[in-house]
Amino acid sequence: MIGFLPVWYKRLSNSRFFCNFVGFTFVQLLRNLVATIDYKWAYYDPVVDASVARRKYICLFWHEHILSPLFLRRNCGATMLLSQHVDAEIVMSIARSFGVNAVRGSTLHGGVSAVRQMMALKEHDVIAITPDGPQGPCRKMSAGAIYLASKLQLPVVLYGFGYDNAWRFRSWDKFVLPCPFSRGRVITSPPLNVPANLNKISMEYYRNKFENILTQLTDEAESWATSNDIIQGESFVNTGPKCSVMYYGVAQKAAIAE
């Protein structure tokens, strides 16, 4: 996220005090920004909502939207896995300010140990991972998240976020920051199971499958936000920053069903 920033910023970003200060300042701005956004959330199954979840699962979303879950479900008991990359310290400060736990680790280097630590924090933790982070390529899922789901035998839920009007940073992930008074839309998959003890061929099959579904859900959320369509059969579920809806029509498009 900070790859394009000046050298002096990169040096300062190694200071925990500086990261906490930037995080605190950014949080105050974000709280005011989020209050202006019109959010709607489309579920296959509302049990995947982190604010009401009664089972552990791993939620995956692209790195460009790393702040979006914090906007929508603050203080929900979820735990986010952040990399050892320097800018993750700022994200960690922001996450904690929004009431979301954060643990530093990697899905490929000590990831299982890090996630087991997260699971011990609360009985019903939701584990949040950006599978294309920390340095990309953008929207290219690594096998690490699939390995963890297989190893820990937790279902995976894919989160697609979209905005009709947003700033995109000149970073590897094209980091998204919604503009004030924009429309935000979220579409989430049902829980998707990954078999235990996957071999390399099966690992690649699920990696490719989940990558395609997550990309399509994200594209559909962006299209929904841009069009401002009224979803046929939508119904009220629970309060978020604005409101949430239940939506079943995306299943055939995304080919989520086996």
Protein backbone atom coordinates (compact mmCIF):
# COMPACT_ATOMS: atom_id res chain seq x y z
CA MET A 1 0.00 0.00 0.00
CA ILE A 2 2.88 2.41 0.65
CA GLY A 3 5.18 1.22 -2.13
CA PHE A 4 4.75 4.47 -4.08
CA LEU A 5 5.32 6.81 -1.11
CA PRO A 6 8.51 8.86 -0.51
CA VAL A 7 11.61 7.40 1.15
CA TRP A 8 11.21 9.62 4.24
CA TYR A 9 7.73 8.14 4.82
CA LYS A 10 9.01 4.59 4.49
CA ARG A 11 11.68 5.33 7.10
CA LEU A 12 9.15 6.86 9.50
CA SER A 13 6.81 3.91 8.94
CA ASN A 14 9.28 1.72 10.85
CA SER A 15 8.47 3.72 13.99
CA ARG A 16 5.61 2.24 16.03
CA PHE A 17 4.82 5.67 17.48
CA PHE A 18 4.50 7.12 13.98
CA CYS A 19 2.31 4.23 12.81
CA ASN A 20 0.02 4.60 15.85
CA PHE A 21 -0.22 8.35 15.29
CA VAL A 22 -1.07 7.92 11.59
CA GLY A 23 -3.53 5.17 12.47
CA PHE A 24 -5.27 7.30 15.11
CA THR A 25 -5.52 10.31 12.78
CA PHE A 26 -6.78 8.16 9.90
CA VAL A 27 -9.42 6.54 12.13
CA GLN A 28 -10.93 9.92 13.05
CA LEU A 29 -11.22 10.79 9.36
CA LEU A 30 -12.59 7.36 8.46
CA ARG A 31 -15.33 7.47 11.10
CA ASN A 32 -16.67 10.69 9.58
CA LEU A 33 -16.31 9.31 6.06
CA VAL A 34 -18.08 6.01 6.74
CA ALA A 35 -21.08 7.78 8.28
CA THR A 36 -21.85 9.25 4.83
CA ILE A 37 -21.74 5.98 2.85
CA ASP A 38 -24.89 4.11 1.81
CA TYR A 39 -24.08 0.45 2.45
CA LYS A 40 -26.08 -2.61 1.47
CA TRP A 41 -24.98 -6.17 2.10
CA ALA A 42 -26.14 -9.21 0.11
CA TYR A 43 -25.97 -12.65 1.72
CA TYR A 44 -26.45 -16.19 0.62
CA ASP A 45 -26.72 -17.05 4.29
CA PRO A 46 -26.79 -14.39 7.07
CA VAL A 47 -24.89 -16.75 9.38
CA VAL A 48 -21.73 -15.48 7.68
CA ASP A 49 -22.25 -11.97 9.04
CA ALA A 50 -19.39 -11.49 11.51
CA SER A 51 -21.68 -9.61 13.88
CA VAL A 52 -23.96 -12.64 14.34
CA ALA A 53 -21.72 -15.57 13.37
CA ARG A 54 -22.02 -18.65 15.55
CA ARG A 55 -19.26 -20.65 13.92
CA LYS A 56 -15.63 -20.09 13.12
CA TYR A 57 -14.68 -19.51 9.51
CA ILE A 58 -12.03 -17.87 7.36
CA CYS A 59 -13.20 -14.84 5.38
CA LEU A 60 -11.23 -13.83 2.30
CA PHE A 61 -11.33 -10.50 0.46
CA TRP A 62 -8.92 -8.71 -1.84
CA HIS A 63 -6.19 -6.54 -0.32
CA GLU A 64 -7.50 -3.41 -2.06
CA HIS A 65 -10.52 -3.54 0.29
CA ILE A 66 -8.62 -4.23 3.49
CA LEU A 67 -10.39 -1.38 5.33
CA SER A 68 -13.94 -2.19 4.18
CA PRO A 69 -14.66 -4.94 6.77
CA LEU A 70 -13.54 -2.54 9.52
CA PHE A 71 -16.08 0.04 8.33
CA LEU A 72 -18.95 -2.44 8.32
CA ARG A 73 -18.48 -4.68 11.35
CA ARG A 74 -16.53 -2.89 14.02
CA ASN A 75 -16.30 -4.53 17.46
CA CYS A 76 -17.53 -7.82 15.97
CA GLY A 77 -14.89 -10.08 17.55
CA ALA A 78 -13.17 -10.91 14.25
CA THR A 79 -9.40 -11.24 14.01
CA MET A 80 -7.41 -10.10 10.99
CA LEU A 81 -4.18 -11.77 9.87
CA LEU A 82 -1.73 -9.07 8.82
CA SER A 83 1.67 -9.54 7.24
CA GLN A 84 5.07 -8.49 8.57
CA HIS A 85 5.16 -5.77 5.89
CA VAL A 86 5.82 -2.25 7.23
CA ASP A 87 2.44 -0.74 6.32
CA ALA A 88 0.63 -3.53 8.18
CA GLU A 89 1.54 -1.76 11.44
CA ILE A 90 -0.68 1.17 10.42
CA VAL A 91 -3.52 -1.16 9.41
CA MET A 92 -3.16 -2.94 12.76
CA SER A 93 -3.55 0.36 14.61
CA ILE A 94 -6.66 1.19 12.54
CA ALA A 95 -8.13 -2.29 13.05
CA ARG A 96 -7.76 -2.12 16.82
CA SER A 97 -9.37 1.33 16.86
CA PHE A 98 -12.39 -0.20 15.11
CA GLY A 99 -12.52 -3.03 17.66
CA VAL A 100 -11.06 -5.74 15.41
CA ASN A 101 -8.22 -7.95 16.66
CA ALA A 102 -5.09 -8.26 14.56
CA VAL A 103 -2.20 -10.72 14.56
CA ARG A 104 1.00 -10.41 12.53
CA GLY A 105 1.92 -13.46 10.50
CA SER A 106 1.93 -14.98 7.03
CA THR A 107 -0.11 -17.71 5.40
CA LEU A 108 3.15 -19.21 4.12
CA HIS A 109 5.56 -18.47 6.98
CA GLY A 110 4.30 -19.55 10.39
CA GLY A 111 0.71 -19.04 9.29
CA VAL A 112 -0.82 -22.06 11.01
CA SER A 113 0.77 -21.04 14.30
CA ALA A 114 -0.49 -17.46 13.91
CA VAL A 115 -4.04 -18.55 13.11
CA ARG A 116 -4.11 -21.02 16.01
CA GLN A 117 -3.23 -18.08 18.27
CA MET A 118 -6.11 -16.11 16.80
CA MET A 119 -8.54 -18.97 17.28
CA ALA A 120 -7.62 -19.13 20.96
CA LEU A 121 -8.63 -15.48 21.51
CA LYS A 122 -12.39 -16.12 21.40
CA GLU A 123 -14.68 -19.08 21.02
CA HIS A 124 -16.38 -17.70 17.90
CA ASP A 125 -13.65 -15.73 16.13
CA VAL A 126 -13.93 -15.03 12.43
CA ILE A 127 -10.49 -15.05 10.80
CA ALA A 128 -9.98 -12.40 8.10
CA ILE A 129 -7.26 -12.80 5.46
CA THR A 130 -6.35 -10.91 2.27
CA PRO A 131 -5.15 -13.80 0.07
CA ASP A 132 -3.32 -11.57 -2.43
CA GLY A 133 -1.37 -9.65 0.19
CA PRO A 134 0.98 -8.27 1.27
CA GLN A 135 2.57 -7.46 -2.10
CA GLY A 136 0.45 -9.10 -4.77
CA PRO A 137 -0.03 -9.66 -7.60
CA CYS A 138 -3.36 -7.89 -7.28
CA ARG A 139 -6.39 -10.23 -7.17
CA LYS A 140 -4.16 -13.28 -7.47
CA MET A 141 -4.95 -15.67 -4.62
CA SER A 142 -2.04 -17.41 -2.95
CA ALA A 143 -2.29 -21.06 -1.95
CA GLY A 144 -1.60 -20.16 1.69
CA ALA A 145 -5.24 -19.36 2.55
CA ILE A 146 -6.41 -22.64 1.00
CA TYR A 147 -3.72 -24.53 2.92
CA LEU A 148 -4.90 -22.98 6.19
CA ALA A 149 -8.55 -23.81 5.49
CA SER A 150 -7.58 -27.40 4.72
CA LYS A 151 -5.21 -27.71 7.67
CA LEU A 152 -7.58 -26.16 10.23
CA GLN A 153 -10.76 -27.57 8.65
CA LEU A 154 -12.58 -24.25 8.68
CA PRO A 155 -15.09 -23.19 5.99
CA VAL A 156 -14.20 -20.26 3.74
CA VAL A 157 -16.49 -17.27 3.08
CA LEU A 158 -15.61 -14.93 0.21
CA TYR A 159 -16.41 -11.21 0.54
CA GLY A 160 -16.82 -9.04 -2.56
CA PHE A 161 -16.81 -5.26 -1.92
CA GLY A 162 -17.66 -2.49 -4.37
CA TYR A 163 -18.19 1.30 -4.47
CA ASP A 164 -19.70 3.52 -7.12
CA ASN A 165 -17.22 6.32 -6.42
CA ALA A 166 -13.84 5.78 -4.80
CA TRP A 167 -10.24 6.95 -4.82
CA ARG A 168 -7.74 4.33 -5.98
CA PHE A 169 -4.16 4.69 -4.82
CA ARG A 170 -1.20 4.15 -7.14
CA SER A 171 -0.12 1.07 -5.21
CA TRP A 172 0.26 -2.56 -6.31
CA ASP A 173 -3.25 -3.39 -5.03
CA LYS A 174 -4.92 -0.19 -6.31
CA PHE A 175 -6.00 0.41 -2.72
CA VAL A 176 -9.61 1.62 -2.45
CA LEU A 177 -10.85 4.49 -0.31
CA PRO A 178 -14.55 5.33 -0.88
CA CYS A 179 -15.51 8.93 -1.57
CA PRO A 180 -17.94 10.70 0.80
CA PHE A 181 -21.62 10.00 0.10
CA SER A 182 -20.82 7.09 -2.20
CA ARG A 183 -22.68 3.77 -2.40
CA GLY A 184 -21.00 0.72 -0.89
CA ARG A 185 -22.14 -2.81 -1.71
CA VAL A 186 -21.05 -6.18 -0.33
CA ILE A 187 -21.83 -9.67 -1.64
CA THR A 188 -20.74 -12.70 0.37
CA SER A 189 -20.64 -16.35 -0.58
CA PRO A 190 -22.10 -19.14 1.54
CA PRO A 191 -19.61 -21.12 3.65
CA LEU A 192 -17.40 -23.14 1.28
CA ASN A 193 -15.67 -26.25 2.56
CA VAL A 194 -12.13 -27.34 1.72
CA PRO A 195 -11.20 -31.03 2.18
CA ALA A 196 -8.45 -31.99 4.58
CA ASN A 197 -5.00 -33.12 3.46
CA LEU A 198 -5.07 -31.61 -0.03
CA ASN A 199 -2.36 -32.59 -2.50
CA LYS A 200 -0.80 -30.02 -4.85
CA ILE A 201 -3.26 -30.66 -7.66
CA SER A 202 -6.31 -30.33 -5.39
CA MET A 203 -4.78 -27.27 -3.71
CA GLU A 204 -4.46 -25.55 -7.08
CA TYR A 205 -8.02 -26.54 -8.01
CA TYR A 206 -9.49 -24.83 -4.92
CA ARG A 207 -7.12 -21.88 -5.18
CA ASN A 208 -8.19 -21.21 -8.76
CA LYS A 209 -11.88 -21.82 -8.01
CA PHE A 210 -11.99 -19.47 -5.01
CA GLU A 211 -9.95 -16.83 -6.85
CA ASN A 212 -12.46 -16.81 -9.71
CA ILE A 213 -15.48 -16.66 -7.40
CA LEU A 214 -13.98 -13.87 -5.27
CA THR A 215 -13.14 -11.83 -8.37
CA GLN A 216 -16.65 -12.28 -9.72
CA LEU A 217 -18.30 -11.37 -6.42
CA THR A 218 -16.14 -8.22 -6.27
CA ASP A 219 -17.03 -7.31 -9.85
CA GLU A 220 -20.73 -7.86 -9.14
CA ALA A 221 -20.56 -5.74 -5.98
CA GLU A 222 -18.95 -2.93 -7.99
CA SER A 223 -21.60 -3.28 -10.70
CA TRP A 224 -24.38 -3.24 -8.08
CA ALA A 225 -22.96 -0.09 -6.48
CA THR A 226 -22.62 1.66 -9.84
CA SER A 227 -26.08 0.73 -11.11
CA ASN A 228 -27.86 1.22 -7.76
CA ASP A 229 -30.24 -1.56 -8.81
CA ILE A 230 -33.06 -2.58 -6.52
CA ILE A 231 -32.60 -6.28 -5.92
CA GLN A 232 -35.77 -8.26 -6.48
CA GLY A 233 -36.80 -10.05 -3.30
CA GLU A 234 -34.42 -8.16 -1.04
CA SER A 235 -35.34 -8.08 2.64
CA PHE A 236 -34.06 -6.36 5.77
CA VAL A 237 -31.61 -8.38 7.85
CA ASN A 238 -29.84 -6.23 10.44
CA THR A 239 -28.44 -2.77 10.99
CA GLY A 240 -25.02 -1.83 9.71
CA PRO A 241 -23.68 1.69 9.11
CA LYS A 242 -26.84 2.16 7.00
CA CYS A 243 -28.65 -1.08 6.26
CA SER A 244 -28.21 -4.63 5.04
CA VAL A 245 -30.22 -6.78 2.68
CA MET A 246 -30.50 -10.46 1.88
CA TYR A 247 -29.98 -11.41 -1.74
CA TYR A 248 -29.97 -14.85 -3.31
CA GLY A 249 -29.85 -14.07 -7.03
CA VAL A 250 -26.07 -13.99 -7.47
CA ALA A 251 -25.59 -17.75 -7.06
CA GLN A 252 -26.11 -18.66 -10.70
CA LYS A 253 -23.78 -15.89 -11.92
CA ALA A 254 -20.90 -16.79 -9.65
CA ALA A 255 -21.34 -20.56 -10.07
CA ILE A 256 -20.72 -21.11 -6.38
CA ALA A 257 -22.78 -24.27 -6.19
CA GLU A 258 -20.82 -27.47 -6.76
